Amino acid sequence: NAFLKILFRRPHLNSPFHAQLNKISVLEA
């Protein structure tokens, strides 16, 4: 988790920290 926080302090596109969406919620949205 510390490694990922350092990595995504850099300018980035998408992030594993925001990737944990379940598909049911995505379909509803």
mmCIF file of all heavy atoms, coordinates in Angstrom:
data_MODEL
# 
_entry.id   MODEL 
# 
loop_
_atom_site.group_PDB 
_atom_site.id 
_atom_site.type_symbol 
_atom_site.label_atom_id 
_atom_site.label_alt_id 
_atom_site.label_comp_id 
_atom_site.label_asym_id 
_atom_site.label_entity_id 
_atom_site.label_seq_id 
_atom_site.pdbx_PDB_ins_code 
_atom_site.Cartn_x 
_atom_site.Cartn_y 
_atom_site.Cartn_z 
_atom_site.occupancy 
_atom_site.B_iso_or_equiv 
_atom_site.pdbx_formal_charge 
_atom_site.auth_seq_id 
_atom_site.auth_comp_id 
_atom_site.auth_asym_id 
_atom_site.auth_atom_id 
_atom_site.pdbx_PDB_model_num 
ATOM 1   N N   . ASN A 1 1  ? 0.830   -1.200 0.000   1.00 0.00 ? 1  ASN A N   1 
ATOM 2   C CA  . ASN A 1 1  ? 0.000   0.000  0.000   1.00 0.00 ? 1  ASN A CA  1 
ATOM 3   C C   . ASN A 1 1  ? 0.873   1.262  0.000   1.00 0.00 ? 1  ASN A C   1 
ATOM 4   O O   . ASN A 1 1  ? 0.573   2.241  -0.703  1.00 0.00 ? 1  ASN A O   1 
ATOM 5   C CB  . ASN A 1 1  ? -0.917  -0.008 1.223   1.00 0.00 ? 1  ASN A CB  1 
ATOM 6   C CG  . ASN A 1 1  ? -2.096  0.933  1.070   1.00 0.00 ? 1  ASN A CG  1 
ATOM 7   O OD1 . ASN A 1 1  ? -2.806  0.887  0.069   1.00 0.00 ? 1  ASN A OD1 1 
ATOM 8   N ND2 . ASN A 1 1  ? -2.309  1.778  2.065   1.00 0.00 ? 1  ASN A ND2 1 
ATOM 9   N N   . ALA A 1 2  ? 1.961   1.229  0.757   1.00 0.00 ? 2  ALA A N   1 
ATOM 10  C CA  . ALA A 1 2  ? 2.885   2.365  0.773   1.00 0.00 ? 2  ALA A CA  1 
ATOM 11  C C   . ALA A 1 2  ? 3.528   2.554  -0.598  1.00 0.00 ? 2  ALA A C   1 
ATOM 12  O O   . ALA A 1 2  ? 3.659   3.688  -1.094  1.00 0.00 ? 2  ALA A O   1 
ATOM 13  C CB  . ALA A 1 2  ? 3.960   2.151  1.837   1.00 0.00 ? 2  ALA A CB  1 
ATOM 14  N N   . PHE A 1 3  ? 3.940   1.456  -1.226  1.00 0.00 ? 3  PHE A N   1 
ATOM 15  C CA  . PHE A 1 3  ? 4.505   1.511  -2.579  1.00 0.00 ? 3  PHE A CA  1 
ATOM 16  C C   . PHE A 1 3  ? 3.534   2.172  -3.552  1.00 0.00 ? 3  PHE A C   1 
ATOM 17  O O   . PHE A 1 3  ? 3.902   3.055  -4.335  1.00 0.00 ? 3  PHE A O   1 
ATOM 18  C CB  . PHE A 1 3  ? 4.857   0.093  -3.040  1.00 0.00 ? 3  PHE A CB  1 
ATOM 19  C CG  . PHE A 1 3  ? 5.012   -0.056 -4.521  1.00 0.00 ? 3  PHE A CG  1 
ATOM 20  C CD1 . PHE A 1 3  ? 6.177   0.322  -5.159  1.00 0.00 ? 3  PHE A CD1 1 
ATOM 21  C CD2 . PHE A 1 3  ? 3.975   -0.593 -5.286  1.00 0.00 ? 3  PHE A CD2 1 
ATOM 22  C CE1 . PHE A 1 3  ? 6.319   0.185  -6.538  1.00 0.00 ? 3  PHE A CE1 1 
ATOM 23  C CE2 . PHE A 1 3  ? 4.112   -0.738 -6.655  1.00 0.00 ? 3  PHE A CE2 1 
ATOM 24  C CZ  . PHE A 1 3  ? 5.283   -0.344 -7.279  1.00 0.00 ? 3  PHE A CZ  1 
ATOM 25  N N   . LEU A 1 4  ? 2.258   1.768  -3.496  1.00 0.00 ? 4  LEU A N   1 
ATOM 26  C CA  . LEU A 1 4  ? 1.268   2.307  -4.420  1.00 0.00 ? 4  LEU A CA  1 
ATOM 27  C C   . LEU A 1 4  ? 0.998   3.792  -4.161  1.00 0.00 ? 4  LEU A C   1 
ATOM 28  O O   . LEU A 1 4  ? 0.813   4.577  -5.096  1.00 0.00 ? 4  LEU A O   1 
ATOM 29  C CB  . LEU A 1 4  ? -0.034  1.506  -4.313  1.00 0.00 ? 4  LEU A CB  1 
ATOM 30  C CG  . LEU A 1 4  ? 0.026   0.084  -4.877  1.00 0.00 ? 4  LEU A CG  1 
ATOM 31  C CD1 . LEU A 1 4  ? -1.243  -0.677 -4.543  1.00 0.00 ? 4  LEU A CD1 1 
ATOM 32  C CD2 . LEU A 1 4  ? 0.258   0.099  -6.382  1.00 0.00 ? 4  LEU A CD2 1 
ATOM 33  N N   . LYS A 1 5  ? 0.993   4.180  -2.893  1.00 0.00 ? 5  LYS A N   1 
ATOM 34  C CA  . LYS A 1 5  ? 0.775   5.594  -2.584  1.00 0.00 ? 5  LYS A CA  1 
ATOM 35  C C   . LYS A 1 5  ? 1.907   6.462  -3.137  1.00 0.00 ? 5  LYS A C   1 
ATOM 36  O O   . LYS A 1 5  ? 1.673   7.546  -3.659  1.00 0.00 ? 5  LYS A O   1 
ATOM 37  C CB  . LYS A 1 5  ? 0.649   5.781  -1.067  1.00 0.00 ? 5  LYS A CB  1 
ATOM 38  C CG  . LYS A 1 5  ? -0.694  5.328  -0.513  1.00 0.00 ? 5  LYS A CG  1 
ATOM 39  C CD  . LYS A 1 5  ? -0.810  5.629  0.976   1.00 0.00 ? 5  LYS A CD  1 
ATOM 40  C CE  . LYS A 1 5  ? -2.199  5.258  1.486   1.00 0.00 ? 5  LYS A CE  1 
ATOM 41  N NZ  . LYS A 1 5  ? -2.349  5.509  2.939   1.00 0.00 ? 5  LYS A NZ  1 
ATOM 42  N N   . ILE A 1 6  ? 3.131   5.964  -3.042  1.00 0.00 ? 6  ILE A N   1 
ATOM 43  C CA  . ILE A 1 6  ? 4.268   6.700  -3.607  1.00 0.00 ? 6  ILE A CA  1 
ATOM 44  C C   . ILE A 1 6  ? 4.134   6.767  -5.129  1.00 0.00 ? 6  ILE A C   1 
ATOM 45  O O   . ILE A 1 6  ? 4.296   7.829  -5.748  1.00 0.00 ? 6  ILE A O   1 
ATOM 46  C CB  . ILE A 1 6  ? 5.599   6.025  -3.231  1.00 0.00 ? 6  ILE A CB  1 
ATOM 47  C CG1 . ILE A 1 6  ? 5.787   6.009  -1.717  1.00 0.00 ? 6  ILE A CG1 1 
ATOM 48  C CG2 . ILE A 1 6  ? 6.773   6.730  -3.909  1.00 0.00 ? 6  ILE A CG2 1 
ATOM 49  C CD1 . ILE A 1 6  ? 6.898   5.090  -1.252  1.00 0.00 ? 6  ILE A CD1 1 
ATOM 50  N N   . LEU A 1 7  ? 3.831   5.624  -5.738  1.00 0.00 ? 7  LEU A N   1 
ATOM 51  C CA  . LEU A 1 7  ? 3.724   5.555  -7.198  1.00 0.00 ? 7  LEU A CA  1 
ATOM 52  C C   . LEU A 1 7  ? 2.663   6.508  -7.722  1.00 0.00 ? 7  LEU A C   1 
ATOM 53  O O   . LEU A 1 7  ? 2.874   7.220  -8.716  1.00 0.00 ? 7  LEU A O   1 
ATOM 54  C CB  . LEU A 1 7  ? 3.408   4.116  -7.615  1.00 0.00 ? 7  LEU A CB  1 
ATOM 55  C CG  . LEU A 1 7  ? 3.348   3.808  -9.108  1.00 0.00 ? 7  LEU A CG  1 
ATOM 56  C CD1 . LEU A 1 7  ? 4.667   4.116  -9.781  1.00 0.00 ? 7  LEU A CD1 1 
ATOM 57  C CD2 . LEU A 1 7  ? 2.956   2.354  -9.327  1.00 0.00 ? 7  LEU A CD2 1 
ATOM 58  N N   . PHE A 1 8  ? 1.520   6.573  -7.032  1.00 0.00 ? 8  PHE A N   1 
ATOM 59  C CA  . PHE A 1 8  ? 0.411   7.371  -7.537  1.00 0.00 ? 8  PHE A CA  1 
ATOM 60  C C   . PHE A 1 8  ? 0.372   8.774  -6.940  1.00 0.00 ? 8  PHE A C   1 
ATOM 61  O O   . PHE A 1 8  ? -0.616  9.485  -7.100  1.00 0.00 ? 8  PHE A O   1 
ATOM 62  C CB  . PHE A 1 8  ? -0.908  6.616  -7.336  1.00 0.00 ? 8  PHE A CB  1 
ATOM 63  C CG  . PHE A 1 8  ? -1.046  5.472  -8.300  1.00 0.00 ? 8  PHE A CG  1 
ATOM 64  C CD1 . PHE A 1 8  ? -0.634  4.201  -7.948  1.00 0.00 ? 8  PHE A CD1 1 
ATOM 65  C CD2 . PHE A 1 8  ? -1.522  5.680  -9.579  1.00 0.00 ? 8  PHE A CD2 1 
ATOM 66  C CE1 . PHE A 1 8  ? -0.719  3.150  -8.839  1.00 0.00 ? 8  PHE A CE1 1 
ATOM 67  C CE2 . PHE A 1 8  ? -1.611  4.647  -10.482 1.00 0.00 ? 8  PHE A CE2 1 
ATOM 68  C CZ  . PHE A 1 8  ? -1.214  3.378  -10.118 1.00 0.00 ? 8  PHE A CZ  1 
ATOM 69  N N   . ARG A 1 9  ? 1.472   9.177  -6.285  1.00 0.00 ? 9  ARG A N   1 
ATOM 70  C CA  . ARG A 1 9  ? 1.673   10.600 -6.016  1.00 0.00 ? 9  ARG A CA  1 
ATOM 71  C C   . ARG A 1 9  ? 2.086   11.321 -7.292  1.00 0.00 ? 9  ARG A C   1 
ATOM 72  O O   . ARG A 1 9  ? 1.892   12.520 -7.432  1.00 0.00 ? 9  ARG A O   1 
ATOM 73  C CB  . ARG A 1 9  ? 2.774   10.800 -4.958  1.00 0.00 ? 9  ARG A CB  1 
ATOM 74  C CG  . ARG A 1 9  ? 2.343   10.601 -3.531  1.00 0.00 ? 9  ARG A CG  1 
ATOM 75  C CD  . ARG A 1 9  ? 3.286   11.307 -2.576  1.00 0.00 ? 9  ARG A CD  1 
ATOM 76  N NE  . ARG A 1 9  ? 4.684   11.027 -2.821  1.00 0.00 ? 9  ARG A NE  1 
ATOM 77  C CZ  . ARG A 1 9  ? 5.479   10.355 -1.997  1.00 0.00 ? 9  ARG A CZ  1 
ATOM 78  N NH1 . ARG A 1 9  ? 4.998   9.878  -0.869  1.00 0.00 ? 9  ARG A NH1 1 
ATOM 79  N NH2 . ARG A 1 9  ? 6.746   10.165 -2.291  1.00 0.00 ? 9  ARG A NH2 1 
ATOM 80  N N   . ARG A 1 10 ? 2.685   10.555 -8.206  1.00 0.00 ? 10 ARG A N   1 
ATOM 81  C CA  . ARG A 1 10 ? 3.067   11.125 -9.490  1.00 0.00 ? 10 ARG A CA  1 
ATOM 82  C C   . ARG A 1 10 ? 1.804   11.448 -10.296 1.00 0.00 ? 10 ARG A C   1 
ATOM 83  O O   . ARG A 1 10 ? 0.732   10.895 -10.018 1.00 0.00 ? 10 ARG A O   1 
ATOM 84  C CB  . ARG A 1 10 ? 3.910   10.138 -10.288 1.00 0.00 ? 10 ARG A CB  1 
ATOM 85  C CG  . ARG A 1 10 ? 5.404   10.167 -10.055 1.00 0.00 ? 10 ARG A CG  1 
ATOM 86  C CD  . ARG A 1 10 ? 5.781   9.928  -8.666  1.00 0.00 ? 10 ARG A CD  1 
ATOM 87  N NE  . ARG A 1 10 ? 7.234   9.941  -8.477  1.00 0.00 ? 10 ARG A NE  1 
ATOM 88  C CZ  . ARG A 1 10 ? 7.777   9.909  -7.286  1.00 0.00 ? 10 ARG A CZ  1 
ATOM 89  N NH1 . ARG A 1 10 ? 7.038   9.877  -6.191  1.00 0.00 ? 10 ARG A NH1 1 
ATOM 90  N NH2 . ARG A 1 10 ? 9.101   9.913  -7.168  1.00 0.00 ? 10 ARG A NH2 1 
ATOM 91  N N   . PRO A 1 11 ? 1.912   12.325 -11.290 1.00 0.00 ? 11 PRO A N   1 
ATOM 92  C CA  . PRO A 1 11 ? 0.779   12.492 -12.206 1.00 0.00 ? 11 PRO A CA  1 
ATOM 93  C C   . PRO A 1 11 ? 0.370   11.130 -12.760 1.00 0.00 ? 11 PRO A C   1 
ATOM 94  O O   . PRO A 1 11 ? 1.227   10.312 -13.115 1.00 0.00 ? 11 PRO A O   1 
ATOM 95  C CB  . PRO A 1 11 ? 1.345   13.411 -13.298 1.00 0.00 ? 11 PRO A CB  1 
ATOM 96  C CG  . PRO A 1 11 ? 2.435   14.176 -12.612 1.00 0.00 ? 11 PRO A CG  1 
ATOM 97  C CD  . PRO A 1 11 ? 3.048   13.211 -11.645 1.00 0.00 ? 11 PRO A CD  1 
ATOM 98  N N   . HIS A 1 12 ? -0.928  10.864 -12.804 1.00 0.00 ? 12 HIS A N   1 
ATOM 99  C CA  . HIS A 1 12 ? -1.364  9.524  -13.192 1.00 0.00 ? 12 HIS A CA  1 
ATOM 100 C C   . HIS A 1 12 ? -2.739  9.556  -13.844 1.00 0.00 ? 12 HIS A C   1 
ATOM 101 O O   . HIS A 1 12 ? -3.495  10.530 -13.715 1.00 0.00 ? 12 HIS A O   1 
ATOM 102 C CB  . HIS A 1 12 ? -1.382  8.590  -11.974 1.00 0.00 ? 12 HIS A CB  1 
ATOM 103 C CG  . HIS A 1 12 ? -2.314  9.025  -10.893 1.00 0.00 ? 12 HIS A CG  1 
ATOM 104 N ND1 . HIS A 1 12 ? -1.921  9.890  -9.890  1.00 0.00 ? 12 HIS A ND1 1 
ATOM 105 C CD2 . HIS A 1 12 ? -3.622  8.747  -10.651 1.00 0.00 ? 12 HIS A CD2 1 
ATOM 106 C CE1 . HIS A 1 12 ? -2.932  10.115 -9.075  1.00 0.00 ? 12 HIS A CE1 1 
ATOM 107 N NE2 . HIS A 1 12 ? -3.985  9.443  -9.523  1.00 0.00 ? 12 HIS A NE2 1 
ATOM 108 N N   . LEU A 1 13 ? -3.043  8.480  -14.517 1.00 0.00 ? 13 LEU A N   1 
ATOM 109 C CA  . LEU A 1 13 ? -4.359  8.249  -15.103 1.00 0.00 ? 13 LEU A CA  1 
ATOM 110 C C   . LEU A 1 13 ? -4.913  6.977  -14.485 1.00 0.00 ? 13 LEU A C   1 
ATOM 111 O O   . LEU A 1 13 ? -4.320  5.904  -14.615 1.00 0.00 ? 13 LEU A O   1 
ATOM 112 C CB  . LEU A 1 13 ? -4.249  8.106  -16.628 1.00 0.00 ? 13 LEU A CB  1 
ATOM 113 C CG  . LEU A 1 13 ? -5.556  7.825  -17.392 1.00 0.00 ? 13 LEU A CG  1 
ATOM 114 C CD1 . LEU A 1 13 ? -6.526  8.985  -17.225 1.00 0.00 ? 13 LEU A CD1 1 
ATOM 115 C CD2 . LEU A 1 13 ? -5.262  7.570  -18.865 1.00 0.00 ? 13 LEU A CD2 1 
ATOM 116 N N   . ASN A 1 14 ? -6.027  7.098  -13.778 1.00 0.00 ? 14 ASN A N   1 
ATOM 117 C CA  . ASN A 1 14 ? -6.639  5.989  -13.037 1.00 0.00 ? 14 ASN A CA  1 
ATOM 118 C C   . ASN A 1 14 ? -5.731  5.574  -11.870 1.00 0.00 ? 14 ASN A C   1 
ATOM 119 O O   . ASN A 1 14 ? -4.550  5.941  -11.814 1.00 0.00 ? 14 ASN A O   1 
ATOM 120 C CB  . ASN A 1 14 ? -6.939  4.787  -13.929 1.00 0.00 ? 14 ASN A CB  1 
ATOM 121 C CG  . ASN A 1 14 ? -7.897  5.124  -15.042 1.00 0.00 ? 14 ASN A CG  1 
ATOM 122 O OD1 . ASN A 1 14 ? -8.718  6.028  -14.927 1.00 0.00 ? 14 ASN A OD1 1 
ATOM 123 N ND2 . ASN A 1 14 ? -7.772  4.397  -16.149 1.00 0.00 ? 14 ASN A ND2 1 
ATOM 124 N N   . SER A 1 15 ? -6.305  4.795  -10.991 1.00 0.00 ? 15 SER A N   1 
ATOM 125 C CA  . SER A 1 15 ? -5.567  4.378  -9.799  1.00 0.00 ? 15 SER A CA  1 
ATOM 126 C C   . SER A 1 15 ? -6.194  3.114  -9.233  1.00 0.00 ? 15 SER A C   1 
ATOM 127 O O   . SER A 1 15 ? -7.428  2.992  -9.228  1.00 0.00 ? 15 SER A O   1 
ATOM 128 C CB  . SER A 1 15 ? -5.605  5.483  -8.742  1.00 0.00 ? 15 SER A CB  1 
ATOM 129 O OG  . SER A 1 15 ? -5.270  4.983  -7.464  1.00 0.00 ? 15 SER A OG  1 
ATOM 130 N N   . PRO A 1 16 ? -5.385  2.167  -8.758  1.00 0.00 ? 16 PRO A N   1 
ATOM 131 C CA  . PRO A 1 16 ? -5.959  0.971  -8.125  1.00 0.00 ? 16 PRO A CA  1 
ATOM 132 C C   . PRO A 1 16 ? -6.748  1.306  -6.872  1.00 0.00 ? 16 PRO A C   1 
ATOM 133 O O   . PRO A 1 16 ? -7.592  0.530  -6.436  1.00 0.00 ? 16 PRO A O   1 
ATOM 134 C CB  . PRO A 1 16 ? -4.721  0.115  -7.805  1.00 0.00 ? 16 PRO A CB  1 
ATOM 135 C CG  . PRO A 1 16 ? -3.577  1.065  -7.810  1.00 0.00 ? 16 PRO A CG  1 
ATOM 136 C CD  . PRO A 1 16 ? -3.918  2.137  -8.794  1.00 0.00 ? 16 PRO A CD  1 
ATOM 137 N N   . PHE A 1 17 ? -6.501  2.477  -6.275  1.00 0.00 ? 17 PHE A N   1 
ATOM 138 C CA  . PHE A 1 17 ? -7.257  2.868  -5.086  1.00 0.00 ? 17 PHE A CA  1 
ATOM 139 C C   . PHE A 1 17 ? -8.707  3.192  -5.421  1.00 0.00 ? 17 PHE A C   1 
ATOM 140 O O   . PHE A 1 17 ? -9.566  3.191  -4.547  1.00 0.00 ? 17 PHE A O   1 
ATOM 141 C CB  . PHE A 1 17 ? -6.606  4.084  -4.418  1.00 0.00 ? 17 PHE A CB  1 
ATOM 142 C CG  . PHE A 1 17 ? -5.246  3.809  -3.860  1.00 0.00 ? 17 PHE A CG  1 
ATOM 143 C CD1 . PHE A 1 17 ? -4.126  4.413  -4.398  1.00 0.00 ? 17 PHE A CD1 1 
ATOM 144 C CD2 . PHE A 1 17 ? -5.076  2.931  -2.801  1.00 0.00 ? 17 PHE A CD2 1 
ATOM 145 C CE1 . PHE A 1 17 ? -2.866  4.165  -3.888  1.00 0.00 ? 17 PHE A CE1 1 
ATOM 146 C CE2 . PHE A 1 17 ? -3.820  2.668  -2.285  1.00 0.00 ? 17 PHE A CE2 1 
ATOM 147 C CZ  . PHE A 1 17 ? -2.704  3.283  -2.820  1.00 0.00 ? 17 PHE A CZ  1 
ATOM 148 N N   . HIS A 1 18 ? -8.967  3.498  -6.695  1.00 0.00 ? 18 HIS A N   1 
ATOM 149 C CA  . HIS A 1 18 ? -10.324 3.838  -7.112  1.00 0.00 ? 18 HIS A CA  1 
ATOM 150 C C   . HIS A 1 18 ? -10.894 2.783  -8.051  1.00 0.00 ? 18 HIS A C   1 
ATOM 151 O O   . HIS A 1 18 ? -11.882 3.036  -8.736  1.00 0.00 ? 18 HIS A O   1 
ATOM 152 C CB  . HIS A 1 18 ? -10.337 5.204  -7.810  1.00 0.00 ? 18 HIS A CB  1 
ATOM 153 C CG  . HIS A 1 18 ? -9.795  6.305  -6.964  1.00 0.00 ? 18 HIS A CG  1 
ATOM 154 N ND1 . HIS A 1 18 ? -8.975  7.305  -7.464  1.00 0.00 ? 18 HIS A ND1 1 
ATOM 155 C CD2 . HIS A 1 18 ? -9.924  6.560  -5.638  1.00 0.00 ? 18 HIS A CD2 1 
ATOM 156 C CE1 . HIS A 1 18 ? -8.629  8.126  -6.486  1.00 0.00 ? 18 HIS A CE1 1 
ATOM 157 N NE2 . HIS A 1 18 ? -9.197  7.693  -5.370  1.00 0.00 ? 18 HIS A NE2 1 
ATOM 158 N N   . ALA A 1 19 ? -10.275 1.624  -8.076  1.00 0.00 ? 19 ALA A N   1 
ATOM 159 C CA  . ALA A 1 19 ? -10.675 0.598  -9.042  1.00 0.00 ? 19 ALA A CA  1 
ATOM 160 C C   . ALA A 1 19 ? -11.621 -0.441 -8.457  1.00 0.00 ? 19 ALA A C   1 
ATOM 161 O O   . ALA A 1 19 ? -12.124 -1.285 -9.183  1.00 0.00 ? 19 ALA A O   1 
ATOM 162 C CB  . ALA A 1 19 ? -9.433  -0.108 -9.595  1.00 0.00 ? 19 ALA A CB  1 
ATOM 163 N N   . GLN A 1 20 ? -11.861 -0.385 -7.155  1.00 0.00 ? 20 GLN A N   1 
ATOM 164 C CA  . GLN A 1 20 ? -12.638 -1.438 -6.513  1.00 0.00 ? 20 GLN A CA  1 
ATOM 165 C C   . GLN A 1 20 ? -14.132 -1.141 -6.535  1.00 0.00 ? 20 GLN A C   1 
ATOM 166 O O   . GLN A 1 20 ? -14.796 -1.037 -5.520  1.00 0.00 ? 20 GLN A O   1 
ATOM 167 C CB  . GLN A 1 20 ? -12.151 -1.628 -5.068  1.00 0.00 ? 20 GLN A CB  1 
ATOM 168 C CG  . GLN A 1 20 ? -10.684 -1.998 -4.964  1.00 0.00 ? 20 GLN A CG  1 
ATOM 169 C CD  . GLN A 1 20 ? -10.333 -3.234 -5.775  1.00 0.00 ? 20 GLN A CD  1 
ATOM 170 O OE1 . GLN A 1 20 ? -11.036 -4.234 -5.699  1.00 0.00 ? 20 GLN A OE1 1 
ATOM 171 N NE2 . GLN A 1 20 ? -9.262  -3.180 -6.543  1.00 0.00 ? 20 GLN A NE2 1 
ATOM 172 N N   . LEU A 1 21 ? -14.676 -0.967 -7.736  1.00 0.00 ? 21 LEU A N   1 
ATOM 173 C CA  . LEU A 1 21 ? -16.104 -0.778 -7.907  1.00 0.00 ? 21 LEU A CA  1 
ATOM 174 C C   . LEU A 1 21 ? -16.749 -2.100 -8.279  1.00 0.00 ? 21 LEU A C   1 
ATOM 175 O O   . LEU A 1 21 ? -16.255 -2.801 -9.157  1.00 0.00 ? 21 LEU A O   1 
ATOM 176 C CB  . LEU A 1 21 ? -16.375 0.244  -9.014  1.00 0.00 ? 21 LEU A CB  1 
ATOM 177 C CG  . LEU A 1 21 ? -15.885 1.667  -8.751  1.00 0.00 ? 21 LEU A CG  1 
ATOM 178 C CD1 . LEU A 1 21 ? -16.101 2.514  -9.996  1.00 0.00 ? 21 LEU A CD1 1 
ATOM 179 C CD2 . LEU A 1 21 ? -16.617 2.277  -7.571  1.00 0.00 ? 21 LEU A CD2 1 
ATOM 180 N N   . ASN A 1 22 ? -17.848 -2.444 -7.615  1.00 0.00 ? 22 ASN A N   1 
ATOM 181 C CA  . ASN A 1 22 ? -18.495 -3.688 -8.016  1.00 0.00 ? 22 ASN A CA  1 
ATOM 182 C C   . ASN A 1 22 ? -19.379 -3.435 -9.234  1.00 0.00 ? 22 ASN A C   1 
ATOM 183 O O   . ASN A 1 22 ? -19.923 -2.341 -9.436  1.00 0.00 ? 22 ASN A O   1 
ATOM 184 C CB  . ASN A 1 22 ? -19.271 -4.306 -6.845  1.00 0.00 ? 22 ASN A CB  1 
ATOM 185 C CG  . ASN A 1 22 ? -20.561 -3.579 -6.554  1.00 0.00 ? 22 ASN A CG  1 
ATOM 186 O OD1 . ASN A 1 22 ? -21.520 -3.656 -7.327  1.00 0.00 ? 22 ASN A OD1 1 
ATOM 187 N ND2 . ASN A 1 22 ? -20.596 -2.873 -5.426  1.00 0.00 ? 22 ASN A ND2 1 
ATOM 188 N N   . LYS A 1 23 ? -19.506 -4.435 -10.072 1.00 0.00 ? 23 LYS A N   1 
ATOM 189 C CA  . LYS A 1 23 ? -20.156 -4.261 -11.373 1.00 0.00 ? 23 LYS A CA  1 
ATOM 190 C C   . LYS A 1 23 ? -21.651 -4.009 -11.249 1.00 0.00 ? 23 LYS A C   1 
ATOM 191 O O   . LYS A 1 23 ? -22.250 -3.391 -12.136 1.00 0.00 ? 23 LYS A O   1 
ATOM 192 C CB  . LYS A 1 23 ? -19.854 -5.478 -12.246 1.00 0.00 ? 23 LYS A CB  1 
ATOM 193 C CG  . LYS A 1 23 ? -18.384 -5.587 -12.635 1.00 0.00 ? 23 LYS A CG  1 
ATOM 194 C CD  . LYS A 1 23 ? -18.115 -6.755 -13.548 1.00 0.00 ? 23 LYS A CD  1 
ATOM 195 C CE  . LYS A 1 23 ? -16.648 -6.786 -13.976 1.00 0.00 ? 23 LYS A CE  1 
ATOM 196 N NZ  . LYS A 1 23 ? -15.734 -7.092 -12.871 1.00 0.00 ? 23 LYS A NZ  1 
ATOM 197 N N   . ILE A 1 24 ? -22.274 -4.456 -10.176 1.00 0.00 ? 24 ILE A N   1 
ATOM 198 C CA  . ILE A 1 24 ? -23.695 -4.179 -9.986  1.00 0.00 ? 24 ILE A CA  1 
ATOM 199 C C   . ILE A 1 24 ? -23.909 -2.676 -9.827  1.00 0.00 ? 24 ILE A C   1 
ATOM 200 O O   . ILE A 1 24 ? -24.804 -2.082 -10.439 1.00 0.00 ? 24 ILE A O   1 
ATOM 201 C CB  . ILE A 1 24 ? -24.240 -4.936 -8.765  1.00 0.00 ? 24 ILE A CB  1 
ATOM 202 C CG1 . ILE A 1 24 ? -24.034 -6.455 -8.937  1.00 0.00 ? 24 ILE A CG1 1 
ATOM 203 C CG2 . ILE A 1 24 ? -25.720 -4.626 -8.567  1.00 0.00 ? 24 ILE A CG2 1 
ATOM 204 C CD1 . ILE A 1 24 ? -24.710 -7.039 -10.147 1.00 0.00 ? 24 ILE A CD1 1 
ATOM 205 N N   . SER A 1 25 ? -23.074 -2.045 -9.006  1.00 0.00 ? 25 SER A N   1 
ATOM 206 C CA  . SER A 1 25 ? -23.180 -0.596 -8.810  1.00 0.00 ? 25 SER A CA  1 
ATOM 207 C C   . SER A 1 25 ? -22.905 0.160  -10.107 1.00 0.00 ? 25 SER A C   1 
ATOM 208 O O   . SER A 1 25 ? -23.557 1.165  -10.410 1.00 0.00 ? 25 SER A O   1 
ATOM 209 C CB  . SER A 1 25 ? -22.200 -0.136 -7.725  1.00 0.00 ? 25 SER A CB  1 
ATOM 210 O OG  . SER A 1 25 ? -22.525 -0.712 -6.475  1.00 0.00 ? 25 SER A OG  1 
ATOM 211 N N   . VAL A 1 26 ? -21.924 -0.319 -10.881 1.00 0.00 ? 26 VAL A N   1 
ATOM 212 C CA  . VAL A 1 26 ? -21.596 0.326  -12.151 1.00 0.00 ? 26 VAL A CA  1 
ATOM 213 C C   . VAL A 1 26 ? -22.780 0.231  -13.123 1.00 0.00 ? 26 VAL A C   1 
ATOM 214 O O   . VAL A 1 26 ? -23.126 1.200  -13.809 1.00 0.00 ? 26 VAL A O   1 
ATOM 215 C CB  . VAL A 1 26 ? -20.338 -0.308 -12.767 1.00 0.00 ? 26 VAL A CB  1 
ATOM 216 C CG1 . VAL A 1 26 ? -20.107 0.202  -14.186 1.00 0.00 ? 26 VAL A CG1 1 
ATOM 217 C CG2 . VAL A 1 26 ? -19.120 -0.019 -11.905 1.00 0.00 ? 26 VAL A CG2 1 
ATOM 218 N N   . LEU A 1 27 ? -23.431 -0.931 -13.167 1.00 0.00 ? 27 LEU A N   1 
ATOM 219 C CA  . LEU A 1 27 ? -24.582 -1.100 -14.054 1.00 0.00 ? 27 LEU A CA  1 
ATOM 220 C C   . LEU A 1 27 ? -25.737 -0.190 -13.635 1.00 0.00 ? 27 LEU A C   1 
ATOM 221 O O   . LEU A 1 27 ? -26.415 0.411  -14.481 1.00 0.00 ? 27 LEU A O   1 
ATOM 222 C CB  . LEU A 1 27 ? -25.024 -2.564 -14.055 1.00 0.00 ? 27 LEU A CB  1 
ATOM 223 C CG  . LEU A 1 27 ? -24.072 -3.545 -14.753 1.00 0.00 ? 27 LEU A CG  1 
ATOM 224 C CD1 . LEU A 1 27 ? -24.444 -4.976 -14.405 1.00 0.00 ? 27 LEU A CD1 1 
ATOM 225 C CD2 . LEU A 1 27 ? -24.080 -3.335 -16.260 1.00 0.00 ? 27 LEU A CD2 1 
ATOM 226 N N   . GLU A 1 28 ? -25.969 -0.092 -12.329 1.00 0.00 ? 28 GLU A N   1 
ATOM 227 C CA  . GLU A 1 28 ? -27.013 0.818  -11.838 1.00 0.00 ? 28 GLU A CA  1 
ATOM 228 C C   . GLU A 1 28 ? -26.720 2.256  -12.238 1.00 0.00 ? 28 GLU A C   1 
ATOM 229 O O   . GLU A 1 28 ? -27.615 2.987  -12.686 1.00 0.00 ? 28 GLU A O   1 
ATOM 230 C CB  . GLU A 1 28 ? -27.114 0.716  -10.318 1.00 0.00 ? 28 GLU A CB  1 
ATOM 231 C CG  . GLU A 1 28 ? -27.846 -0.516 -9.806  1.00 0.00 ? 28 GLU A CG  1 
ATOM 232 C CD  . GLU A 1 28 ? -28.073 -0.451 -8.305  1.00 0.00 ? 28 GLU A CD  1 
ATOM 233 O OE1 . GLU A 1 28 ? -27.093 -0.295 -7.554  1.00 0.00 ? 28 GLU A OE1 1 
ATOM 234 O OE2 . GLU A 1 28 ? -29.244 -0.536 -7.889  1.00 0.00 ? 28 GLU A OE2 1 
ATOM 235 N N   . ALA A 1 29 ? -25.457 2.678  -12.074 1.00 0.00 ? 29 ALA A N   1 
ATOM 236 C CA  . ALA A 1 29 ? -25.066 4.044  -12.431 1.00 0.00 ? 29 ALA A CA  1 
ATOM 237 C C   . ALA A 1 29 ? -25.254 4.292  -13.927 1.00 0.00 ? 29 ALA A C   1 
ATOM 238 O O   . ALA A 1 29 ? -25.682 5.381  -14.337 1.00 0.00 ? 29 ALA A O   1 
ATOM 239 C CB  . ALA A 1 29 ? -23.621 4.293  -12.026 1.00 0.00 ? 29 ALA A CB  1 
# 
